[in-house]
Amino acid sequence: MASFRPTVSFSFKAESAVSKNTIVKLGVEDGACEPALAGEGFGVAMCDADLGSFVEVAMIGGGAKVLTGAAVSKGDEIAADADGKAVPAIAGDIVIGLALDGAPNADIAISIERTFYVKA
């Protein structure tokens, strides 16, 4: 498995429980985040966080480990599924990273290079 070194991370207040290595989206409040829904996301939670506590989020420009929600191939553009897990992006999804590893099924931690754009 590829190694990574997160270079940019910020703390956000969790608007609901967040699990380590899952994709998060911006919350309703400023400075907050919550688990991403399908096709959303801006970063990867680096730790578990309960409602109201703070979570460190790996941002664009670094790497992160993320749990898969389905099979992923090395080089896939990564988006969030409904559980905030990494799946191959489809048109219209927000791409949050590029898979540096592959996984044959769900619930496997893979390395990603962080990015952020909408897949055409």
PDB file of N, CA and C in Angstrom:
ATOM      1  N   MET A   1       0.841  -1.168   0.000  1.00  0.00           N
ATOM      2  CA  MET A   1       0.000   0.000   0.000  1.00  0.00           C
ATOM      3  C   MET A   1       0.890   1.235   0.000  1.00  0.00           C
ATOM      4  N   ALA A   2       0.507   2.236  -0.747  1.00  0.00           N
ATOM      5  CA  ALA A   2       1.275   3.478  -0.819  1.00  0.00           C
ATOM      6  C   ALA A   2       1.256   4.200   0.517  1.00  0.00           C
ATOM      7  N   SER A   3       2.312   4.921   0.803  1.00  0.00           N
ATOM      8  CA  SER A   3       2.338   5.744   2.008  1.00  0.00           C
ATOM      9  C   SER A   3       1.919   7.161   1.633  1.00  0.00           C
ATOM     10  N   PHE A   4       1.632   7.966   2.613  1.00  0.00           N
ATOM     11  CA  PHE A   4       1.185   9.328   2.361  1.00  0.00           C
ATOM     12  C   PHE A   4       1.676  10.234   3.458  1.00  0.00           C
ATOM     13  N   ARG A   5       1.640  11.503   3.176  1.00  0.00           N
ATOM     14  CA  ARG A   5       1.980  12.506   4.176  1.00  0.00           C
ATOM     15  C   ARG A   5       1.003  13.665   4.027  1.00  0.00           C
ATOM     16  N   PRO A   6      -0.018  13.727   4.891  1.00  0.00           N
ATOM     17  CA  PRO A   6      -0.946  14.842   4.798  1.00  0.00           C
ATOM     18  C   PRO A   6      -0.194  16.164   4.966  1.00  0.00           C
ATOM     19  N   THR A   7      -0.434  17.098   4.078  1.00  0.00           N
ATOM     20  CA  THR A   7       0.266  18.370   4.162  1.00  0.00           C
ATOM     21  C   THR A   7      -0.641  19.504   4.603  1.00  0.00           C
ATOM     22  N   VAL A   8      -1.918  19.353   4.420  1.00  0.00           N
ATOM     23  CA  VAL A   8      -2.848  20.405   4.796  1.00  0.00           C
ATOM     24  C   VAL A   8      -4.018  19.760   5.537  1.00  0.00           C
ATOM     25  N   SER A   9      -4.246  20.168   6.785  1.00  0.00           N
ATOM     26  CA  SER A   9      -5.413  19.683   7.516  1.00  0.00           C
ATOM     27  C   SER A   9      -5.934  20.799   8.411  1.00  0.00           C
ATOM     28  N   PHE A  10      -7.212  20.733   8.688  1.00  0.00           N
ATOM     29  CA  PHE A  10      -7.882  21.715   9.530  1.00  0.00           C
ATOM     30  C   PHE A  10      -8.820  20.994  10.469  1.00  0.00           C
ATOM     31  N   SER A  11      -9.119  21.621  11.607  1.00  0.00           N
ATOM     32  CA  SER A  11     -10.091  21.074  12.555  1.00  0.00           C
ATOM     33  C   SER A  11     -11.462  21.662  12.267  1.00  0.00           C
ATOM     34  N   PHE A  12     -12.465  20.806  12.288  1.00  0.00           N
ATOM     35  CA  PHE A  12     -13.853  21.207  12.082  1.00  0.00           C
ATOM     36  C   PHE A  12     -14.699  20.620  13.197  1.00  0.00           C
ATOM     37  N   LYS A  13     -15.735  21.338  13.589  1.00  0.00           N
ATOM     38  CA  LYS A  13     -16.677  20.828  14.578  1.00  0.00           C
ATOM     39  C   LYS A  13     -17.628  19.854  13.879  1.00  0.00           C
ATOM     40  N   ALA A  14     -17.803  18.676  14.448  1.00  0.00           N
ATOM     41  CA  ALA A  14     -18.669  17.656  13.855  1.00  0.00           C
ATOM     42  C   ALA A  14     -20.140  17.970  14.143  1.00  0.00           C
ATOM     43  N   GLU A  15     -20.938  18.136  13.084  1.00  0.00           N
ATOM     44  CA  GLU A  15     -22.375  18.382  13.251  1.00  0.00           C
ATOM     45  C   GLU A  15     -23.153  17.094  13.452  1.00  0.00           C
ATOM     46  N   SER A  16     -22.507  15.977  13.235  1.00  0.00           N
ATOM     47  CA  SER A  16     -23.010  14.652  13.587  1.00  0.00           C
ATOM     48  C   SER A  16     -21.788  13.760  13.727  1.00  0.00           C
ATOM     49  N   ALA A  17     -21.966  12.546  14.197  1.00  0.00           N
ATOM     50  CA  ALA A  17     -20.826  11.654  14.392  1.00  0.00           C
ATOM     51  C   ALA A  17     -20.100  11.429  13.069  1.00  0.00           C
ATOM     52  N   VAL A  18     -18.772  11.473  13.121  1.00  0.00           N
ATOM     53  CA  VAL A  18     -17.922  11.288  11.945  1.00  0.00           C
ATOM     54  C   VAL A  18     -16.970  10.138  12.236  1.00  0.00           C
ATOM     55  N   SER A  19     -16.781   9.258  11.271  1.00  0.00           N
ATOM     56  CA  SER A  19     -15.875   8.119  11.433  1.00  0.00           C
ATOM     57  C   SER A  19     -14.541   8.379  10.760  1.00  0.00           C
ATOM     58  N   LYS A  20     -13.482   7.912  11.392  1.00  0.00           N
ATOM     59  CA  LYS A  20     -12.132   8.032  10.840  1.00  0.00           C
ATOM     60  C   LYS A  20     -12.086   7.408   9.444  1.00  0.00           C
ATOM     61  N   ASN A  21     -11.333   8.039   8.539  1.00  0.00           N
ATOM     62  CA  ASN A  21     -11.097   7.552   7.186  1.00  0.00           C
ATOM     63  C   ASN A  21     -12.327   7.590   6.296  1.00  0.00           C
ATOM     64  N   THR A  22     -13.315   8.430   6.643  1.00  0.00           N
ATOM     65  CA  THR A  22     -14.464   8.610   5.759  1.00  0.00           C
ATOM     66  C   THR A  22     -14.467  10.034   5.211  1.00  0.00           C
ATOM     67  N   ILE A  23     -15.159  10.216   4.113  1.00  0.00           N
ATOM     68  CA  ILE A  23     -15.227  11.503   3.438  1.00  0.00           C
ATOM     69  C   ILE A  23     -16.254  12.386   4.140  1.00  0.00           C
ATOM     70  N   VAL A  24     -15.899  13.662   4.318  1.00  0.00           N
ATOM     71  CA  VAL A  24     -16.808  14.612   4.958  1.00  0.00           C
ATOM     72  C   VAL A  24     -17.129  15.763   4.008  1.00  0.00           C
ATOM     73  N   LYS A  25     -18.245  16.427   4.293  1.00  0.00           N
ATOM     74  CA  LYS A  25     -18.647  17.626   3.546  1.00  0.00           C
ATOM     75  C   LYS A  25     -18.760  18.773   4.529  1.00  0.00           C
ATOM     76  N   LEU A  26     -18.831  19.981   4.001  1.00  0.00           N
ATOM     77  CA  LEU A  26     -19.013  21.145   4.861  1.00  0.00           C
ATOM     78  C   LEU A  26     -20.359  21.066   5.551  1.00  0.00           C
ATOM     79  N   GLY A  27     -20.382  21.469   6.812  1.00  0.00           N
ATOM     80  CA  GLY A  27     -21.624  21.472   7.563  1.00  0.00           C
ATOM     81  C   GLY A  27     -22.416  22.747   7.330  1.00  0.00           C
ATOM     82  N   VAL A  28     -23.538  22.856   8.000  1.00  0.00           N
ATOM     83  CA  VAL A  28     -24.399  24.029   7.889  1.00  0.00           C
ATOM     84  C   VAL A  28     -23.739  25.235   8.551  1.00  0.00           C
ATOM     85  N   GLU A  29     -23.166  25.036   9.724  1.00  0.00           N
ATOM     86  CA  GLU A  29     -22.498  26.104  10.471  1.00  0.00           C
ATOM     87  C   GLU A  29     -21.101  26.350   9.897  1.00  0.00           C
ATOM     88  N   ASP A  30     -20.605  27.583  10.029  1.00  0.00           N
ATOM     89  CA  ASP A  30     -19.225  27.869   9.645  1.00  0.00           C
ATOM     90  C   ASP A  30     -18.289  27.051  10.526  1.00  0.00           C
ATOM     91  N   GLY A  31     -17.228  26.517   9.942  1.00  0.00           N
ATOM     92  CA  GLY A  31     -16.246  25.753  10.696  1.00  0.00           C
ATOM     93  C   GLY A  31     -16.706  24.377  11.114  1.00  0.00           C
ATOM     94  N   ALA A  32     -17.750  23.874  10.459  1.00  0.00           N
ATOM     95  CA  ALA A  32     -18.296  22.560  10.814  1.00  0.00           C
ATOM     96  C   ALA A  32     -18.272  21.622   9.610  1.00  0.00           C
ATOM     97  N   CYS A  33     -18.323  20.328   9.900  1.00  0.00           N
ATOM     98  CA  CYS A  33     -18.408  19.324   8.850  1.00  0.00           C
ATOM     99  C   CYS A  33     -19.349  18.217   9.300  1.00  0.00           C
ATOM    100  N   GLU A  34     -19.704  17.361   8.365  1.00  0.00           N
ATOM    101  CA  GLU A  34     -20.547  16.210   8.639  1.00  0.00           C
ATOM    102  C   GLU A  34     -20.243  15.141   7.600  1.00  0.00           C
ATOM    103  N   PRO A  35     -20.677  13.902   7.809  1.00  0.00           N
ATOM    104  CA  PRO A  35     -20.404  12.862   6.823  1.00  0.00           C
ATOM    105  C   PRO A  35     -20.955  13.250   5.446  1.00  0.00           C
ATOM    106  N   ALA A  36     -20.172  12.954   4.419  1.00  0.00           N
ATOM    107  CA  ALA A  36     -20.583  13.265   3.049  1.00  0.00           C
ATOM    108  C   ALA A  36     -21.676  12.312   2.591  1.00  0.00           C
ATOM    109  N   LEU A  37     -22.505  12.801   1.692  1.00  0.00           N
ATOM    110  CA  LEU A  37     -23.500  11.978   1.018  1.00  0.00           C
ATOM    111  C   LEU A  37     -22.956  11.645  -0.365  1.00  0.00           C
ATOM    112  N   ALA A  38     -23.661  10.823  -1.105  1.00  0.00           N
ATOM    113  CA  ALA A  38     -23.194  10.388  -2.422  1.00  0.00           C
ATOM    114  C   ALA A  38     -22.825  11.587  -3.299  1.00  0.00           C
ATOM    115  N   GLY A  39     -21.619  11.564  -3.837  1.00  0.00           N
ATOM    116  CA  GLY A  39     -21.162  12.588  -4.770  1.00  0.00           C
ATOM    117  C   GLY A  39     -20.711  13.887  -4.137  1.00  0.00           C
ATOM    118  N   GLU A  40     -20.659  13.966  -2.800  1.00  0.00           N
ATOM    119  CA  GLU A  40     -20.245  15.182  -2.113  1.00  0.00           C
ATOM    120  C   GLU A  40     -18.905  14.966  -1.430  1.00  0.00           C
ATOM    121  N   GLY A  41     -18.392  16.003  -0.825  1.00  0.00           N
ATOM    122  CA  GLY A  41     -17.210  15.880   0.012  1.00  0.00           C
ATOM    123  C   GLY A  41     -16.143  16.896  -0.299  1.00  0.00           C
ATOM    124  N   PHE A  42     -15.342  17.213   0.731  1.00  0.00           N
ATOM    125  CA  PHE A  42     -14.229  18.135   0.550  1.00  0.00           C
ATOM    126  C   PHE A  42     -12.978  17.670   1.278  1.00  0.00           C
ATOM    127  N   GLY A  43     -13.069  16.649   2.087  1.00  0.00           N
ATOM    128  CA  GLY A  43     -11.912  16.179   2.823  1.00  0.00           C
ATOM    129  C   GLY A  43     -12.159  14.818   3.435  1.00  0.00           C
ATOM    130  N   VAL A  44     -11.137  14.318   4.156  1.00  0.00           N
ATOM    131  CA  VAL A  44     -11.199  12.999   4.778  1.00  0.00           C
ATOM    132  C   VAL A  44     -10.945  13.153   6.278  1.00  0.00           C
ATOM    133  N   ALA A  45     -11.858  12.597   7.090  1.00  0.00           N
ATOM    134  CA  ALA A  45     -11.714  12.642   8.546  1.00  0.00           C
ATOM    135  C   ALA A  45     -10.517  11.811   8.973  1.00  0.00           C
ATOM    136  N   MET A  46      -9.646  12.413   9.786  1.00  0.00           N
ATOM    137  CA  MET A  46      -8.442  11.730  10.236  1.00  0.00           C
ATOM    138  C   MET A  46      -8.636  11.056  11.597  1.00  0.00           C
ATOM    139  N   CYS A  47      -9.829  11.209  12.194  1.00  0.00           N
ATOM    140  CA  CYS A  47     -10.123  10.572  13.477  1.00  0.00           C
ATOM    141  C   CYS A  47     -11.635  10.462  13.622  1.00  0.00           C
ATOM    142  N   ASP A  48     -12.084   9.646  14.573  1.00  0.00           N
ATOM    143  CA  ASP A  48     -13.499   9.583  14.914  1.00  0.00           C
ATOM    144  C   ASP A  48     -13.870  10.833  15.695  1.00  0.00           C
ATOM    145  N   ALA A  49     -15.096  11.290  15.535  1.00  0.00           N
ATOM    146  CA  ALA A  49     -15.567  12.445  16.308  1.00  0.00           C
ATOM    147  C   ALA A  49     -17.055  12.305  16.587  1.00  0.00           C
ATOM    148  N   ASP A  50     -17.436  12.562  17.820  1.00  0.00           N
ATOM    149  CA  ASP A  50     -18.842  12.573  18.199  1.00  0.00           C
ATOM    150  C   ASP A  50     -19.448  13.935  17.873  1.00  0.00           C
ATOM    151  N   LEU A  51     -20.747  14.006  17.848  1.00  0.00           N
ATOM    152  CA  LEU A  51     -21.465  15.257  17.646  1.00  0.00           C
ATOM    153  C   LEU A  51     -20.911  16.323  18.587  1.00  0.00           C
ATOM    154  N   GLY A  52     -20.529  17.472  18.018  1.00  0.00           N
ATOM    155  CA  GLY A  52     -20.058  18.591  18.817  1.00  0.00           C
ATOM    156  C   GLY A  52     -18.571  18.603  19.123  1.00  0.00           C
ATOM    157  N   SER A  53     -17.886  17.492  18.892  1.00  0.00           N
ATOM    158  CA  SER A  53     -16.439  17.472  19.122  1.00  0.00           C
ATOM    159  C   SER A  53     -15.718  17.870  17.839  1.00  0.00           C
ATOM    160  N   PHE A  54     -14.419  18.003  17.915  1.00  0.00           N
ATOM    161  CA  PHE A  54     -13.657  18.443  16.746  1.00  0.00           C
ATOM    162  C   PHE A  54     -12.987  17.271  16.057  1.00  0.00           C
ATOM    163  N   VAL A  55     -12.899  17.376  14.726  1.00  0.00           N
ATOM    164  CA  VAL A  55     -12.279  16.344  13.900  1.00  0.00           C
ATOM    165  C   VAL A  55     -11.255  17.006  12.987  1.00  0.00           C
ATOM    166  N   GLU A  56     -10.093  16.390  12.872  1.00  0.00           N
ATOM    167  CA  GLU A  56      -9.059  16.855  11.957  1.00  0.00           C
ATOM    168  C   GLU A  56      -9.400  16.324  10.570  1.00  0.00           C
ATOM    169  N   VAL A  57      -9.399  17.214   9.571  1.00  0.00           N
ATOM    170  CA  VAL A  57      -9.788  16.848   8.207  1.00  0.00           C
ATOM    171  C   VAL A  57      -8.625  17.105   7.250  1.00  0.00           C
ATOM    172  N   ALA A  58      -8.198  16.053   6.535  1.00  0.00           N
ATOM    173  CA  ALA A  58      -7.160  16.192   5.511  1.00  0.00           C
ATOM    174  C   ALA A  58      -7.778  16.895   4.304  1.00  0.00           C
ATOM    175  N   MET A  59      -7.086  17.924   3.824  1.00  0.00           N
ATOM    176  CA  MET A  59      -7.620  18.768   2.761  1.00  0.00           C
ATOM    177  C   MET A  59      -6.824  18.611   1.470  1.00  0.00           C
ATOM    178  N   ILE A  60      -7.244  19.347   0.446  1.00  0.00           N
ATOM    179  CA  ILE A  60      -6.590  19.354  -0.848  1.00  0.00           C
ATOM    180  C   ILE A  60      -5.096  19.619  -0.684  1.00  0.00           C
ATOM    181  N   GLY A  61      -4.300  18.930  -1.462  1.00  0.00           N
ATOM    182  CA  GLY A  61      -2.870  19.166  -1.456  1.00  0.00           C
ATOM    183  C   GLY A  61      -2.089  18.181  -0.618  1.00  0.00           C
ATOM    184  N   GLY A  62      -2.737  17.216  -0.041  1.00  0.00           N
ATOM    185  CA  GLY A  62      -2.059  16.209   0.757  1.00  0.00           C
ATOM    186  C   GLY A  62      -2.592  14.842   0.422  1.00  0.00           C
ATOM    187  N   GLY A  63      -2.273  13.901   1.240  1.00  0.00           N
ATOM    188  CA  GLY A  63      -2.771  12.549   1.061  1.00  0.00           C
ATOM    189  C   GLY A  63      -3.627  12.158   2.239  1.00  0.00           C
ATOM    190  N   ALA A  64      -4.338  11.068   2.088  1.00  0.00           N
ATOM    191  CA  ALA A  64      -5.189  10.582   3.173  1.00  0.00           C
ATOM    192  C   ALA A  64      -5.483   9.113   2.961  1.00  0.00           C
ATOM    193  N   LYS A  65      -5.839   8.443   4.037  1.00  0.00           N
ATOM    194  CA  LYS A  65      -6.368   7.087   3.975  1.00  0.00           C
ATOM    195  C   LYS A  65      -7.881   7.218   4.044  1.00  0.00           C
ATOM    196  N   VAL A  66      -8.585   6.441   3.251  1.00  0.00           N
ATOM    197  CA  VAL A  66     -10.040   6.490   3.245  1.00  0.00           C
ATOM    198  C   VAL A  66     -10.581   5.080   3.065  1.00  0.00           C
ATOM    199  N   LEU A  67     -11.710   4.783   3.704  1.00  0.00           N
ATOM    200  CA  LEU A  67     -12.341   3.475   3.574  1.00  0.00           C
ATOM    201  C   LEU A  67     -13.151   3.404   2.289  1.00  0.00           C
ATOM    202  N   THR A  68     -13.058   2.284   1.608  1.00  0.00           N
ATOM    203  CA  THR A  68     -13.807   2.093   0.365  1.00  0.00           C
ATOM    204  C   THR A  68     -15.244   1.667   0.657  1.00  0.00           C
ATOM    205  N   GLY A  69     -16.132   2.070  -0.248  1.00  0.00           N
ATOM    206  CA  GLY A  69     -17.527   1.656  -0.179  1.00  0.00           C
ATOM    207  C   GLY A  69     -17.854   0.633  -1.244  1.00  0.00           C
ATOM    208  N   ALA A  70     -16.875   0.339  -2.113  1.00  0.00           N
ATOM    209  CA  ALA A  70     -17.021  -0.611  -3.210  1.00  0.00           C
ATOM    210  C   ALA A  70     -15.621  -0.906  -3.737  1.00  0.00           C
ATOM    211  N   ALA A  71     -15.532  -1.753  -4.740  1.00  0.00           N
ATOM    212  CA  ALA A  71     -14.240  -2.027  -5.374  1.00  0.00           C
ATOM    213  C   ALA A  71     -13.706  -0.734  -5.995  1.00  0.00           C
ATOM    214  N   VAL A  72     -12.413  -0.506  -5.844  1.00  0.00           N
ATOM    215  CA  VAL A  72     -11.740   0.683  -6.380  1.00  0.00           C
ATOM    216  C   VAL A  72     -10.463   0.205  -7.056  1.00  0.00           C
ATOM    217  N   SER A  73     -10.142   0.791  -8.192  1.00  0.00           N
ATOM    218  CA  SER A  73      -8.900   0.482  -8.892  1.00  0.00           C
ATOM    219  C   SER A  73      -7.907   1.614  -8.713  1.00  0.00           C
ATOM    220  N   LYS A  74      -6.634   1.263  -8.670  1.00  0.00           N
ATOM    221  CA  LYS A  74      -5.593   2.276  -8.614  1.00  0.00           C
ATOM    222  C   LYS A  74      -5.789   3.233  -9.787  1.00  0.00           C
ATOM    223  N   GLY A  75      -5.727   4.539  -9.511  1.00  0.00           N
ATOM    224  CA  GLY A  75      -5.916   5.549 -10.542  1.00  0.00           C
ATOM    225  C   GLY A  75      -7.338   6.056 -10.682  1.00  0.00           C
ATOM    226  N   ASP A  76      -8.318   5.403 -10.022  1.00  0.00           N
ATOM    227  CA  ASP A  76      -9.706   5.872 -10.078  1.00  0.00           C
ATOM    228  C   ASP A  76      -9.833   7.256  -9.453  1.00  0.00           C
ATOM    229  N   GLU A  77     -10.684   8.085 -10.023  1.00  0.00           N
ATOM    230  CA  GLU A  77     -11.102   9.325  -9.371  1.00  0.00           C
ATOM    231  C   GLU A  77     -12.073   8.903  -8.270  1.00  0.00           C
ATOM    232  N   ILE A  78     -11.915   9.482  -7.079  1.00  0.00           N
ATOM    233  CA  ILE A  78     -12.677   9.042  -5.911  1.00  0.00           C
ATOM    234  C   ILE A  78     -13.712  10.087  -5.503  1.00  0.00           C
ATOM    235  N   ALA A  79     -14.926   9.599  -5.219  1.00  0.00           N
ATOM    236  CA  ALA A  79     -16.022  10.407  -4.684  1.00  0.00           C
ATOM    237  C   ALA A  79     -16.592   9.661  -3.478  1.00  0.00           C
ATOM    238  N   ALA A  80     -17.556  10.281  -2.815  1.00  0.00           N
ATOM    239  CA  ALA A  80     -18.192   9.667  -1.644  1.00  0.00           C
ATOM    240  C   ALA A  80     -19.446   8.918  -2.037  1.00  0.00           C
ATOM    241  N   ASP A  81     -19.687   7.794  -1.339  1.00  0.00           N
ATOM    242  CA  ASP A  81     -20.988   7.147  -1.463  1.00  0.00           C
ATOM    243  C   ASP A  81     -21.902   7.700  -0.364  1.00  0.00           C
ATOM    244  N   ALA A  82     -23.080   7.145  -0.207  1.00  0.00           N
ATOM    245  CA  ALA A  82     -24.045   7.657   0.766  1.00  0.00           C
ATOM    246  C   ALA A  82     -23.568   7.528   2.210  1.00  0.00           C
ATOM    247  N   ASP A  83     -22.547   6.681   2.455  1.00  0.00           N
ATOM    248  CA  ASP A  83     -21.992   6.503   3.795  1.00  0.00           C
ATOM    249  C   ASP A  83     -20.679   7.246   3.992  1.00  0.00           C
ATOM    250  N   GLY A  84     -20.291   8.076   3.000  1.00  0.00           N
ATOM    251  CA  GLY A  84     -19.044   8.813   3.099  1.00  0.00           C
ATOM    252  C   GLY A  84     -17.813   7.978   2.817  1.00  0.00           C
ATOM    253  N   LYS A  85     -17.997   6.842   2.189  1.00  0.00           N
ATOM    254  CA  LYS A  85     -16.873   5.976   1.842  1.00  0.00           C
ATOM    255  C   LYS A  85     -16.474   6.197   0.385  1.00  0.00           C
ATOM    256  N   ALA A  86     -15.251   5.826   0.062  1.00  0.00           N
ATOM    257  CA  ALA A  86     -14.675   6.069  -1.259  1.00  0.00           C
ATOM    258  C   ALA A  86     -15.210   5.093  -2.304  1.00  0.00           C
ATOM    259  N   VAL A  87     -15.694   5.667  -3.401  1.00  0.00           N
ATOM    260  CA  VAL A  87     -16.141   4.882  -4.558  1.00  0.00           C
ATOM    261  C   VAL A  87     -15.662   5.582  -5.821  1.00  0.00           C
ATOM    262  N   PRO A  88     -15.568   4.849  -6.941  1.00  0.00           N
ATOM    263  CA  PRO A  88     -15.202   5.509  -8.194  1.00  0.00           C
ATOM    264  C   PRO A  88     -16.217   6.603  -8.534  1.00  0.00           C
ATOM    265  N   ALA A  89     -15.724   7.771  -8.927  1.00  0.00           N
ATOM    266  CA  ALA A  89     -16.580   8.918  -9.256  1.00  0.00           C
ATOM    267  C   ALA A  89     -17.296   8.693 -10.580  1.00  0.00           C
ATOM    268  N   ILE A  90     -18.498   9.253 -10.685  1.00  0.00           N
ATOM    269  CA  ILE A  90     -19.246   9.275 -11.941  1.00  0.00           C
ATOM    270  C   ILE A  90     -19.515  10.736 -12.298  1.00  0.00           C
ATOM    271  N   ALA A  91     -19.942  10.973 -13.521  1.00  0.00           N
ATOM    272  CA  ALA A  91     -20.189  12.341 -13.990  1.00  0.00           C
ATOM    273  C   ALA A  91     -21.075  13.111 -13.011  1.00  0.00           C
ATOM    274  N   GLY A  92     -20.650  14.327 -12.668  1.00  0.00           N
ATOM    275  CA  GLY A  92     -21.394  15.185 -11.757  1.00  0.00           C
ATOM    276  C   GLY A  92     -20.952  15.084 -10.309  1.00  0.00           C
ATOM    277  N   ASP A  93     -20.193  14.048  -9.950  1.00  0.00           N
ATOM    278  CA  ASP A  93     -19.688  13.898  -8.585  1.00  0.00           C
ATOM    279  C   ASP A  93     -18.576  14.898  -8.299  1.00  0.00           C
ATOM    280  N   ILE A  94     -18.428  15.259  -7.035  1.00  0.00           N
ATOM    281  CA  ILE A  94     -17.263  16.014  -6.589  1.00  0.00           C
ATOM    282  C   ILE A  94     -16.152  14.999  -6.340  1.00  0.00           C
ATOM    283  N   VAL A  95     -15.074  15.114  -7.090  1.00  0.00           N
ATOM    284  CA  VAL A  95     -13.923  14.220  -6.940  1.00  0.00           C
ATOM    285  C   VAL A  95     -13.052  14.771  -5.819  1.00  0.00           C
ATOM    286  N   ILE A  96     -12.808  13.942  -4.801  1.00  0.00           N
ATOM    287  CA  ILE A  96     -12.010  14.391  -3.662  1.00  0.00           C
ATOM    288  C   ILE A  96     -10.604  13.797  -3.654  1.00  0.00           C
ATOM    289  N   GLY A  97     -10.327  12.910  -4.607  1.00  0.00           N
ATOM    290  CA  GLY A  97      -8.990  12.342  -4.641  1.00  0.00           C
ATOM    291  C   GLY A  97      -8.788  11.377  -5.785  1.00  0.00           C
ATOM    292  N   LEU A  98      -7.540  10.954  -5.926  1.00  0.00           N
ATOM    293  CA  LEU A  98      -7.122   9.978  -6.911  1.00  0.00           C
ATOM    294  C   LEU A  98      -6.592   8.771  -6.149  1.00  0.00           C
ATOM    295  N   ALA A  99      -7.130   7.577  -6.436  1.00  0.00           N
ATOM    296  CA  ALA A  99      -6.730   6.373  -5.715  1.00  0.00           C
ATOM    297  C   ALA A  99      -5.280   6.003  -6.014  1.00  0.00           C
ATOM    298  N   LEU A 100      -4.487   5.871  -4.964  1.00  0.00           N
ATOM    299  CA  LEU A 100      -3.104   5.432  -5.110  1.00  0.00           C
ATOM    300  C   LEU A 100      -2.979   3.927  -4.934  1.00  0.00           C
ATOM    301  N   ASP A 101      -4.037   3.299  -4.440  1.00  0.00           N
ATOM    302  CA  ASP A 101      -4.112   1.858  -4.226  1.00  0.00           C
ATOM    303  C   ASP A 101      -5.437   1.372  -4.790  1.00  0.00           C
ATOM    304  N   GLY A 102      -5.551   0.071  -4.960  1.00  0.00           N
ATOM    305  CA  GLY A 102      -6.818  -0.539  -5.332  1.00  0.00           C
ATOM    306  C   GLY A 102      -7.363  -1.344  -4.171  1.00  0.00           C
ATOM    307  N   ALA A 103      -8.635  -1.687  -4.243  1.00  0.00           N
ATOM    308  CA  ALA A 103      -9.282  -2.530  -3.235  1.00  0.00           C
ATOM    309  C   ALA A 103     -10.322  -3.386  -3.937  1.00  0.00           C
ATOM    310  N   PRO A 104     -10.383  -4.691  -3.635  1.00  0.00           N
ATOM    311  CA  PRO A 104     -11.324  -5.577  -4.312  1.00  0.00           C
ATOM    312  C   PRO A 104     -12.773  -5.435  -3.846  1.00  0.00           C
ATOM    313  N   ASN A 105     -12.987  -4.777  -2.691  1.00  0.00           N
ATOM    314  CA  ASN A 105     -14.347  -4.626  -2.168  1.00  0.00           C
ATOM    315  C   ASN A 105     -14.400  -3.501  -1.144  1.00  0.00           C
ATOM    316  N   ALA A 106     -15.509  -3.391  -0.458  1.00  0.00           N
ATOM    317  CA  ALA A 106     -15.743  -2.314   0.517  1.00  0.00           C
ATOM    318  C   ALA A 106     -14.975  -2.531   1.818  1.00  0.00           C
ATOM    319  N   ASP A 107     -14.870  -1.451   2.586  1.00  0.00           N
ATOM    320  CA  ASP A 107     -14.295  -1.432   3.935  1.00  0.00           C
ATOM    321  C   ASP A 107     -12.811  -1.770   3.986  1.00  0.00           C
ATOM    322  N   ILE A 108     -12.102  -1.365   2.939  1.00  0.00           N
ATOM    323  CA  ILE A 108     -10.648  -1.499   2.907  1.00  0.00           C
ATOM    324  C   ILE A 108     -10.066  -0.089   2.846  1.00  0.00           C
ATOM    325  N   ALA A 109      -9.084   0.210   3.690  1.00  0.00           N
ATOM    326  CA  ALA A 109      -8.452   1.531   3.687  1.00  0.00           C
ATOM    327  C   ALA A 109      -7.476   1.613   2.513  1.00  0.00           C
ATOM    328  N   ILE A 110      -7.636   2.653   1.694  1.00  0.00           N
ATOM    329  CA  ILE A 110      -6.723   2.902   0.587  1.00  0.00           C
ATOM    330  C   ILE A 110      -6.126   4.301   0.742  1.00  0.00           C
ATOM    331  N   SER A 111      -5.020   4.532   0.061  1.00  0.00           N
ATOM    332  CA  SER A 111      -4.387   5.848   0.054  1.00  0.00           C
ATOM    333  C   SER A 111      -4.908   6.639  -1.137  1.00  0.00           C
ATOM    334  N   ILE A 112      -5.150   7.925  -0.906  1.00  0.00           N
ATOM    335  CA  ILE A 112      -5.553   8.805  -2.006  1.00  0.00           C
ATOM    336  C   ILE A 112      -4.718  10.073  -1.981  1.00  0.00           C
ATOM    337  N   GLU A 113      -4.535  10.648  -3.146  1.00  0.00           N
ATOM    338  CA  GLU A 113      -3.960  11.988  -3.285  1.00  0.00           C
ATOM    339  C   GLU A 113      -5.138  12.937  -3.319  1.00  0.00           C
ATOM    340  N   ARG A 114      -5.160  13.926  -2.464  1.00  0.00           N
ATOM    341  CA  ARG A 114      -6.298  14.843  -2.353  1.00  0.00           C
ATOM    342  C   ARG A 114      -6.383  15.799  -3.529  1.00  0.00           C
ATOM    343  N   THR A 115      -7.576  15.987  -4.009  1.00  0.00           N
ATOM    344  CA  THR A 115      -7.880  16.928  -5.083  1.00  0.00           C
ATOM    345  C   THR A 115      -9.315  17.394  -4.869  1.00  0.00           C
ATOM    346  N   PHE A 116      -9.807  18.249  -5.722  1.00  0.00           N
ATOM    347  CA  PHE A 116     -11.177  18.728  -5.563  1.00  0.00           C
ATOM    348  C   PHE A 116     -11.650  19.331  -6.870  1.00  0.00           C
ATOM    349  N   TYR A 117     -12.585  18.672  -7.529  1.00  0.00           N
ATOM    350  CA  TYR A 117     -13.204  19.184  -8.748  1.00  0.00           C
ATOM    351  C   TYR A 117     -14.448  18.369  -9.039  1.00  0.00           C
ATOM    352  N   VAL A 118     -15.276  18.854  -9.955  1.00  0.00           N
ATOM    353  CA  VAL A 118     -16.468  18.134 -10.372  1.00  0.00           C
ATOM    354  C   VAL A 118     -16.132  17.323 -11.615  1.00  0.00           C
ATOM    355  N   LYS A 119     -16.442  16.031 -11.579  1.00  0.00           N
ATOM    356  CA  LYS A 119     -16.170  15.155 -12.719  1.00  0.00           C
ATOM    357  C   LYS A 119     -17.117  15.492 -13.860  1.00  0.00           C
ATOM    358  N   ALA A 120     -16.536  15.676 -15.023  1.00  0.00           N
ATOM    359  CA  ALA A 120     -17.333  15.995 -16.226  1.00  0.00           C
ATOM    360  C   ALA A 120     -18.079  14.768 -16.722  1.00  0.00           C
TER     361      ALA A 120
END
